[in-house]
Amino acid sequence: MIKGWNEMPVRVLEQINDINSTHWTDDEKTFRTTALLAGIEYEDFLNLPLDQAGNLVAQTSWLREPPKKVKVQKKYQIGSRTYRLNAKMDELTTAQYMDYQALKGGEAQEWIGGLLAIALIPEGESYNESDHNEIVEEISNNLNVEEALAIADFFTKRFTKSMRRLVARTLTMIKAAQIVAPQEYKEPLKAARLEMELLKESICESGYPLWKM
């Protein structure tokens, strides 16, 4: 039985998010979630005596409390690998940036593992040197939710701050160019400036919710 956020792998959180996104009744969602945390098949859970099933449900009351905040680490032992946290945004590769942006439109259960696989890099490797899906699976199956939340919060805040600085610098250069540019370049520069200003507005501080309970 999983008894806390620090025991719950990210993969189980993804499965619970899947359950909560269905149109099942509240009772069915609760029972399916309880069976998942207890490590038993749902049909077997339904065949339990009611008092035994109720006791298992009671042991999931911690789900109503938010995960504890924990400090991020420089390195994590996850599955068979040691991972380092990509803490310096100036070391972020274009591939990581593109993969991060591609996650934005997805549901939480689709991008949690992907986000962590961008933030955590296997020791001694560069990004995507190992199979990306394999990395996502290893992290999702072995990293607990408390650590995952800490890493995701740290990374998204760093990423957002870095992107805002980049956009601000670009806007400054465009504004300077508008002053000295020949007339035929002023309209294209105006359009580029508007696009940058819209991009600046679209970069929000909140990031993405990792859990929905």
C-alpha atoms as a PDB file:
ATOM      1  CA  MET A   1       0.000   0.000   0.000  1.00  0.00           C
ATOM      2  CA  ILE A   2       1.373   3.413  -0.969  1.00  0.00           C
ATOM      3  CA  LYS A   3       1.017   5.534   2.171  1.00  0.00           C
ATOM      4  CA  GLY A   4       2.241   8.992   1.166  1.00  0.00           C
ATOM      5  CA  TRP A   5       3.318  11.307  -1.642  1.00  0.00           C
ATOM      6  CA  ASN A   6       6.940  10.442  -0.909  1.00  0.00           C
ATOM      7  CA  GLU A   7       6.145   6.786  -1.708  1.00  0.00           C
ATOM      8  CA  MET A   8       4.087   7.459  -4.824  1.00  0.00           C
ATOM      9  CA  PRO A   9       5.941   7.202  -8.156  1.00  0.00           C
ATOM     10  CA  VAL A  10       5.086   9.795 -10.770  1.00  0.00           C
ATOM     11  CA  ARG A  11       3.575   7.032 -12.934  1.00  0.00           C
ATOM     12  CA  VAL A  12       0.932   6.321 -10.277  1.00  0.00           C
ATOM     13  CA  LEU A  13       0.066  10.028 -10.100  1.00  0.00           C
ATOM     14  CA  GLU A  14      -0.446   9.982 -13.867  1.00  0.00           C
ATOM     15  CA  GLN A  15      -2.787   7.006 -13.491  1.00  0.00           C
ATOM     16  CA  ILE A  16      -4.764   8.757 -10.747  1.00  0.00           C
ATOM     17  CA  ASN A  17      -5.084  11.843 -12.951  1.00  0.00           C
ATOM     18  CA  ASP A  18      -6.430   9.548 -15.680  1.00  0.00           C
ATOM     19  CA  ILE A  19      -9.017   8.157 -13.252  1.00  0.00           C
ATOM     20  CA  ASN A  20     -10.087  11.629 -12.111  1.00  0.00           C
ATOM     21  CA  SER A  21     -10.514  12.811 -15.695  1.00  0.00           C
ATOM     22  CA  THR A  22     -13.207  10.212 -16.447  1.00  0.00           C
ATOM     23  CA  HIS A  23     -16.984  10.492 -16.058  1.00  0.00           C
ATOM     24  CA  TRP A  24     -17.104   7.713 -13.467  1.00  0.00           C
ATOM     25  CA  THR A  25     -18.978   8.328 -10.230  1.00  0.00           C
ATOM     26  CA  ASP A  26     -17.078   9.659  -7.230  1.00  0.00           C
ATOM     27  CA  ASP A  27     -17.351   6.250  -5.552  1.00  0.00           C
ATOM     28  CA  GLU A  28     -15.867   4.462  -8.561  1.00  0.00           C
ATOM     29  CA  LYS A  29     -13.023   6.969  -8.799  1.00  0.00           C
ATOM     30  CA  THR A  30     -12.286   6.511  -5.092  1.00  0.00           C
ATOM     31  CA  PHE A  31     -12.376   2.709  -5.310  1.00  0.00           C
ATOM     32  CA  ARG A  32     -10.213   2.573  -8.441  1.00  0.00           C
ATOM     33  CA  THR A  33      -7.683   4.941  -6.872  1.00  0.00           C
ATOM     34  CA  THR A  34      -7.631   2.891  -3.663  1.00  0.00           C
ATOM     35  CA  ALA A  35      -7.109  -0.349  -5.596  1.00  0.00           C
ATOM     36  CA  LEU A  36      -4.239   1.272  -7.504  1.00  0.00           C
ATOM     37  CA  LEU A  37      -2.542   2.464  -4.311  1.00  0.00           C
ATOM     38  CA  ALA A  38      -3.085  -0.933  -2.675  1.00  0.00           C
ATOM     39  CA  GLY A  39      -1.568  -2.727  -5.668  1.00  0.00           C
ATOM     40  CA  ILE A  40      -4.603  -4.901  -6.384  1.00  0.00           C
ATOM     41  CA  GLU A  41      -6.825  -5.293  -9.417  1.00  0.00           C
ATOM     42  CA  TYR A  42     -10.042  -3.275  -9.378  1.00  0.00           C
ATOM     43  CA  GLU A  43     -12.195  -6.402  -9.819  1.00  0.00           C
ATOM     44  CA  ASP A  44     -10.469  -7.983  -6.806  1.00  0.00           C
ATOM     45  CA  PHE A  45     -11.132  -4.814  -4.802  1.00  0.00           C
ATOM     46  CA  LEU A  46     -14.837  -5.027  -5.646  1.00  0.00           C
ATOM     47  CA  ASN A  47     -14.909  -8.582  -4.265  1.00  0.00           C
ATOM     48  CA  LEU A  48     -13.503  -7.541  -0.867  1.00  0.00           C
ATOM     49  CA  PRO A  49     -15.802  -7.464   2.175  1.00  0.00           C
ATOM     50  CA  LEU A  50     -17.166  -3.921   2.536  1.00  0.00           C
ATOM     51  CA  ASP A  51     -15.463  -3.280   5.884  1.00  0.00           C
ATOM     52  CA  GLN A  52     -12.081  -4.385   4.477  1.00  0.00           C
ATOM     53  CA  ALA A  53     -12.543  -2.162   1.408  1.00  0.00           C
ATOM     54  CA  GLY A  54     -13.552   0.727   3.677  1.00  0.00           C
ATOM     55  CA  ASN A  55     -10.400   0.252   5.742  1.00  0.00           C
ATOM     56  CA  LEU A  56      -8.264   0.521   2.604  1.00  0.00           C
ATOM     57  CA  VAL A  57     -10.111   3.656   1.504  1.00  0.00           C
ATOM     58  CA  ALA A  58      -9.471   5.206   4.933  1.00  0.00           C
ATOM     59  CA  GLN A  59      -5.744   4.621   4.437  1.00  0.00           C
ATOM     60  CA  THR A  60      -5.794   6.946   1.406  1.00  0.00           C
ATOM     61  CA  SER A  61      -6.911  10.012   3.396  1.00  0.00           C
ATOM     62  CA  TRP A  62      -3.447  11.561   2.893  1.00  0.00           C
ATOM     63  CA  LEU A  63      -4.429  12.249  -0.732  1.00  0.00           C
ATOM     64  CA  ARG A  64      -6.463  15.205   0.535  1.00  0.00           C
ATOM     65  CA  GLU A  65      -3.307  16.872   1.857  1.00  0.00           C
ATOM     66  CA  PRO A  66      -0.842  18.607  -0.479  1.00  0.00           C
ATOM     67  CA  PRO A  67       2.592  17.037  -0.913  1.00  0.00           C
ATOM     68  CA  LYS A  68       5.322  18.411   1.365  1.00  0.00           C
ATOM     69  CA  LYS A  69       7.762  20.859  -0.139  1.00  0.00           C
ATOM     70  CA  VAL A  70      11.255  19.402  -0.383  1.00  0.00           C
ATOM     71  CA  LYS A  71      14.549  20.895  -1.521  1.00  0.00           C
ATOM     72  CA  VAL A  72      15.878  20.091  -4.949  1.00  0.00           C
ATOM     73  CA  GLN A  73      19.117  18.170  -5.184  1.00  0.00           C
ATOM     74  CA  LYS A  74      21.966  18.503  -7.660  1.00  0.00           C
ATOM     75  CA  LYS A  75      21.837  14.774  -8.378  1.00  0.00           C
ATOM     76  CA  TYR A  76      19.244  11.987  -8.096  1.00  0.00           C
ATOM     77  CA  GLN A  77      19.639   8.226  -8.158  1.00  0.00           C
ATOM     78  CA  ILE A  78      16.660   7.083 -10.216  1.00  0.00           C
ATOM     79  CA  GLY A  79      16.348   3.492 -11.339  1.00  0.00           C
ATOM     80  CA  SER A  80      19.650   2.357 -12.844  1.00  0.00           C
ATOM     81  CA  ARG A  81      21.034   5.847 -13.491  1.00  0.00           C
ATOM     82  CA  THR A  82      22.321   8.906 -11.677  1.00  0.00           C
ATOM     83  CA  TYR A  83      20.695  12.085 -12.999  1.00  0.00           C
ATOM     84  CA  ARG A  84      21.908  15.670 -12.694  1.00  0.00           C
ATOM     85  CA  LEU A  85      19.481  18.566 -12.464  1.00  0.00           C
ATOM     86  CA  ASN A  86      19.730  21.031 -15.353  1.00  0.00           C
ATOM     87  CA  ALA A  87      19.879  24.092 -13.104  1.00  0.00           C
ATOM     88  CA  LYS A  88      21.624  26.549 -15.429  1.00  0.00           C
ATOM     89  CA  MET A  89      19.325  27.861 -18.141  1.00  0.00           C
ATOM     90  CA  ASP A  90      22.253  29.131 -20.222  1.00  0.00           C
ATOM     91  CA  GLU A  91      23.198  25.463 -20.676  1.00  0.00           C
ATOM     92  CA  LEU A  92      19.741  24.567 -22.009  1.00  0.00           C
ATOM     93  CA  THR A  93      19.886  23.176 -25.541  1.00  0.00           C
ATOM     94  CA  THR A  94      17.565  24.128 -28.375  1.00  0.00           C
ATOM     95  CA  ALA A  95      16.185  20.581 -28.322  1.00  0.00           C
ATOM     96  CA  GLN A  96      15.225  20.955 -24.645  1.00  0.00           C
ATOM     97  CA  TYR A  97      13.569  24.303 -25.363  1.00  0.00           C
ATOM     98  CA  MET A  98      11.548  22.832 -28.245  1.00  0.00           C
ATOM     99  CA  ASP A  99      10.505  19.784 -26.216  1.00  0.00           C
ATOM    100  CA  TYR A 100       9.475  22.017 -23.303  1.00  0.00           C
ATOM    101  CA  GLN A 101       7.358  24.210 -25.574  1.00  0.00           C
ATOM    102  CA  ALA A 102       5.743  21.138 -27.134  1.00  0.00           C
ATOM    103  CA  LEU A 103       4.514  20.019 -23.699  1.00  0.00           C
ATOM    104  CA  LYS A 104       2.515  23.183 -23.025  1.00  0.00           C
ATOM    105  CA  GLY A 105      -0.649  22.179 -24.818  1.00  0.00           C
ATOM    106  CA  GLY A 106      -0.950  18.728 -23.263  1.00  0.00           C
ATOM    107  CA  GLU A 107      -2.837  17.401 -20.285  1.00  0.00           C
ATOM    108  CA  ALA A 108      -0.951  16.899 -17.020  1.00  0.00           C
ATOM    109  CA  GLN A 109      -0.853  13.120 -17.372  1.00  0.00           C
ATOM    110  CA  GLU A 110       0.829  13.515 -20.766  1.00  0.00           C
ATOM    111  CA  TRP A 111       3.638  15.855 -19.829  1.00  0.00           C
ATOM    112  CA  ILE A 112       4.761  15.189 -16.262  1.00  0.00           C
ATOM    113  CA  GLY A 113       7.324  12.571 -17.265  1.00  0.00           C
ATOM    114  CA  GLY A 114       8.341  14.589 -20.307  1.00  0.00           C
ATOM    115  CA  LEU A 115       9.013  17.695 -18.234  1.00  0.00           C
ATOM    116  CA  LEU A 116      11.146  15.757 -15.756  1.00  0.00           C
ATOM    117  CA  ALA A 117      13.088  14.142 -18.602  1.00  0.00           C
ATOM    118  CA  ILE A 118      13.980  17.650 -19.811  1.00  0.00           C
ATOM    119  CA  ALA A 119      15.040  18.854 -16.353  1.00  0.00           C
ATOM    120  CA  LEU A 120      17.031  15.727 -15.426  1.00  0.00           C
ATOM    121  CA  ILE A 121      19.933  14.508 -17.564  1.00  0.00           C
ATOM    122  CA  PRO A 122      21.742  11.169 -17.062  1.00  0.00           C
ATOM    123  CA  GLU A 123      25.199  11.743 -15.566  1.00  0.00           C
ATOM    124  CA  GLY A 124      27.918  11.830 -18.215  1.00  0.00           C
ATOM    125  CA  GLU A 125      25.443  12.222 -21.087  1.00  0.00           C
ATOM    126  CA  SER A 126      24.040  15.059 -23.163  1.00  0.00           C
ATOM    127  CA  TYR A 127      20.316  15.613 -23.683  1.00  0.00           C
ATOM    128  CA  ASN A 128      18.655  12.840 -25.731  1.00  0.00           C
ATOM    129  CA  GLU A 129      21.878  10.815 -25.911  1.00  0.00           C
ATOM    130  CA  SER A 130      19.868   7.945 -24.451  1.00  0.00           C
ATOM    131  CA  ASP A 131      16.429   7.031 -25.778  1.00  0.00           C
ATOM    132  CA  HIS A 132      14.051   9.761 -24.601  1.00  0.00           C
ATOM    133  CA  ASN A 133      11.094   7.442 -23.995  1.00  0.00           C
ATOM    134  CA  GLU A 134      13.300   5.142 -21.939  1.00  0.00           C
ATOM    135  CA  ILE A 135      14.369   8.092 -19.780  1.00  0.00           C
ATOM    136  CA  VAL A 136      10.752   9.197 -19.312  1.00  0.00           C
ATOM    137  CA  GLU A 137       9.777   5.672 -18.247  1.00  0.00           C
ATOM    138  CA  GLU A 138      12.639   5.312 -15.773  1.00  0.00           C
ATOM    139  CA  ILE A 139      11.932   8.660 -14.130  1.00  0.00           C
ATOM    140  CA  SER A 140       8.151   8.170 -14.041  1.00  0.00           C
ATOM    141  CA  ASN A 141       8.406   4.692 -12.555  1.00  0.00           C
ATOM    142  CA  ASN A 142      10.975   5.530  -9.868  1.00  0.00           C
ATOM    143  CA  LEU A 143      10.843   9.213  -8.862  1.00  0.00           C
ATOM    144  CA  ASN A 144       8.375  10.057  -6.088  1.00  0.00           C
ATOM    145  CA  VAL A 145       5.825  12.862  -6.375  1.00  0.00           C
ATOM    146  CA  GLU A 146       7.342  15.133  -3.707  1.00  0.00           C
ATOM    147  CA  GLU A 147      10.703  15.201  -5.458  1.00  0.00           C
ATOM    148  CA  ALA A 148       9.043  15.521  -8.863  1.00  0.00           C
ATOM    149  CA  LEU A 149       7.051  18.573  -7.756  1.00  0.00           C
ATOM    150  CA  ALA A 150      10.161  20.233  -6.360  1.00  0.00           C
ATOM    151  CA  ILE A 151      12.114  19.640  -9.567  1.00  0.00           C
ATOM    152  CA  ALA A 152       9.262  20.780 -11.825  1.00  0.00           C
ATOM    153  CA  ASP A 153       8.639  23.949  -9.801  1.00  0.00           C
ATOM    154  CA  PHE A 154      12.345  24.801  -9.743  1.00  0.00           C
ATOM    155  CA  PHE A 155      12.833  24.163 -13.455  1.00  0.00           C
ATOM    156  CA  THR A 156       9.711  25.960 -14.721  1.00  0.00           C
ATOM    157  CA  LYS A 157      10.455  29.055 -12.649  1.00  0.00           C
ATOM    158  CA  ARG A 158      14.056  29.158 -13.903  1.00  0.00           C
ATOM    159  CA  PHE A 159      12.888  28.578 -17.473  1.00  0.00           C
ATOM    160  CA  THR A 160      10.233  31.309 -17.286  1.00  0.00           C
ATOM    161  CA  LYS A 161      12.668  33.836 -15.817  1.00  0.00           C
ATOM    162  CA  SER A 162      15.248  33.025 -18.494  1.00  0.00           C
ATOM    163  CA  MET A 163      12.711  33.377 -21.322  1.00  0.00           C
ATOM    164  CA  ARG A 164      11.514  36.705 -19.978  1.00  0.00           C
ATOM    165  CA  ARG A 165      15.072  38.023 -19.935  1.00  0.00           C
ATOM    166  CA  LEU A 166      15.633  36.814 -23.493  1.00  0.00           C
ATOM    167  CA  VAL A 167      12.437  38.435 -24.763  1.00  0.00           C
ATOM    168  CA  ALA A 168      13.242  41.681 -22.935  1.00  0.00           C
ATOM    169  CA  ARG A 169      16.707  41.828 -24.553  1.00  0.00           C
ATOM    170  CA  THR A 170      15.222  41.126 -27.967  1.00  0.00           C
ATOM    171  CA  LEU A 171      12.638  43.891 -27.517  1.00  0.00           C
ATOM    172  CA  THR A 172      15.372  46.347 -26.563  1.00  0.00           C
ATOM    173  CA  MET A 173      17.323  45.498 -29.730  1.00  0.00           C
ATOM    174  CA  ILE A 174      14.223  45.823 -31.919  1.00  0.00           C
ATOM    175  CA  LYS A 175      13.353  49.208 -30.416  1.00  0.00           C
ATOM    176  CA  ALA A 176      16.902  50.452 -31.036  1.00  0.00           C
ATOM    177  CA  ALA A 177      16.808  49.145 -34.596  1.00  0.00           C
ATOM    178  CA  GLN A 178      13.507  50.936 -35.285  1.00  0.00           C
ATOM    179  CA  ILE A 179      15.148  54.279 -34.527  1.00  0.00           C
ATOM    180  CA  VAL A 180      18.001  53.936 -37.021  1.00  0.00           C
ATOM    181  CA  ALA A 181      16.515  51.613 -39.652  1.00  0.00           C
ATOM    182  CA  PRO A 182      15.650  52.870 -43.168  1.00  0.00           C
ATOM    183  CA  GLN A 183      11.941  53.497 -43.763  1.00  0.00           C
ATOM    184  CA  GLU A 184      11.387  50.234 -45.680  1.00  0.00           C
ATOM    185  CA  TYR A 185      12.452  48.208 -42.606  1.00  0.00           C
ATOM    186  CA  LYS A 186      10.297  50.023 -40.068  1.00  0.00           C
ATOM    187  CA  GLU A 187       7.064  48.076 -40.735  1.00  0.00           C
ATOM    188  CA  PRO A 188       8.734  44.625 -40.495  1.00  0.00           C
ATOM    189  CA  LEU A 189      10.451  45.749 -37.291  1.00  0.00           C
ATOM    190  CA  LYS A 190       7.142  47.013 -35.925  1.00  0.00           C
ATOM    191  CA  ALA A 191       5.563  43.617 -36.633  1.00  0.00           C
ATOM    192  CA  ALA A 192       8.495  41.817 -34.964  1.00  0.00           C
ATOM    193  CA  ARG A 193       8.183  44.077 -31.931  1.00  0.00           C
ATOM    194  CA  LEU A 194       4.456  43.334 -31.636  1.00  0.00           C
ATOM    195  CA  GLU A 195       5.150  39.605 -31.861  1.00  0.00           C
ATOM    196  CA  MET A 196       7.763  39.844 -29.097  1.00  0.00           C
ATOM    197  CA  GLU A 197       5.405  41.843 -26.888  1.00  0.00           C
ATOM    198  CA  LEU A 198       2.703  39.203 -27.337  1.00  0.00           C
ATOM    199  CA  LEU A 199       5.222  36.492 -26.510  1.00  0.00           C
ATOM    200  CA  LYS A 200       6.234  38.376 -23.373  1.00  0.00           C
ATOM    201  CA  GLU A 201       2.594  38.501 -22.262  1.00  0.00           C
ATOM    202  CA  SER A 202       2.124  34.781 -22.919  1.00  0.00           C
ATOM    203  CA  ILE A 203       4.966  33.735 -20.617  1.00  0.00           C
ATOM    204  CA  CYS A 204       3.226  33.152 -17.299  1.00  0.00           C
ATOM    205  CA  GLU A 205       4.828  32.601 -13.905  1.00  0.00           C
ATOM    206  CA  SER A 206       2.553  29.807 -12.791  1.00  0.00           C
ATOM    207  CA  GLY A 207       3.872  26.982 -14.973  1.00  0.00           C
ATOM    208  CA  TYR A 208       1.716  23.852 -15.061  1.00  0.00           C
ATOM    209  CA  PRO A 209      -0.168  22.011 -12.293  1.00  0.00           C
ATOM    210  CA  LEU A 210       1.411  18.635 -11.643  1.00  0.00           C
ATOM    211  CA  TRP A 211      -1.395  17.115  -9.646  1.00  0.00           C
ATOM    212  CA  LYS A 212      -5.173  17.531  -9.611  1.00  0.00           C
ATOM    213  CA  MET A 213      -6.841  16.150  -6.512  1.00  0.00           C
END
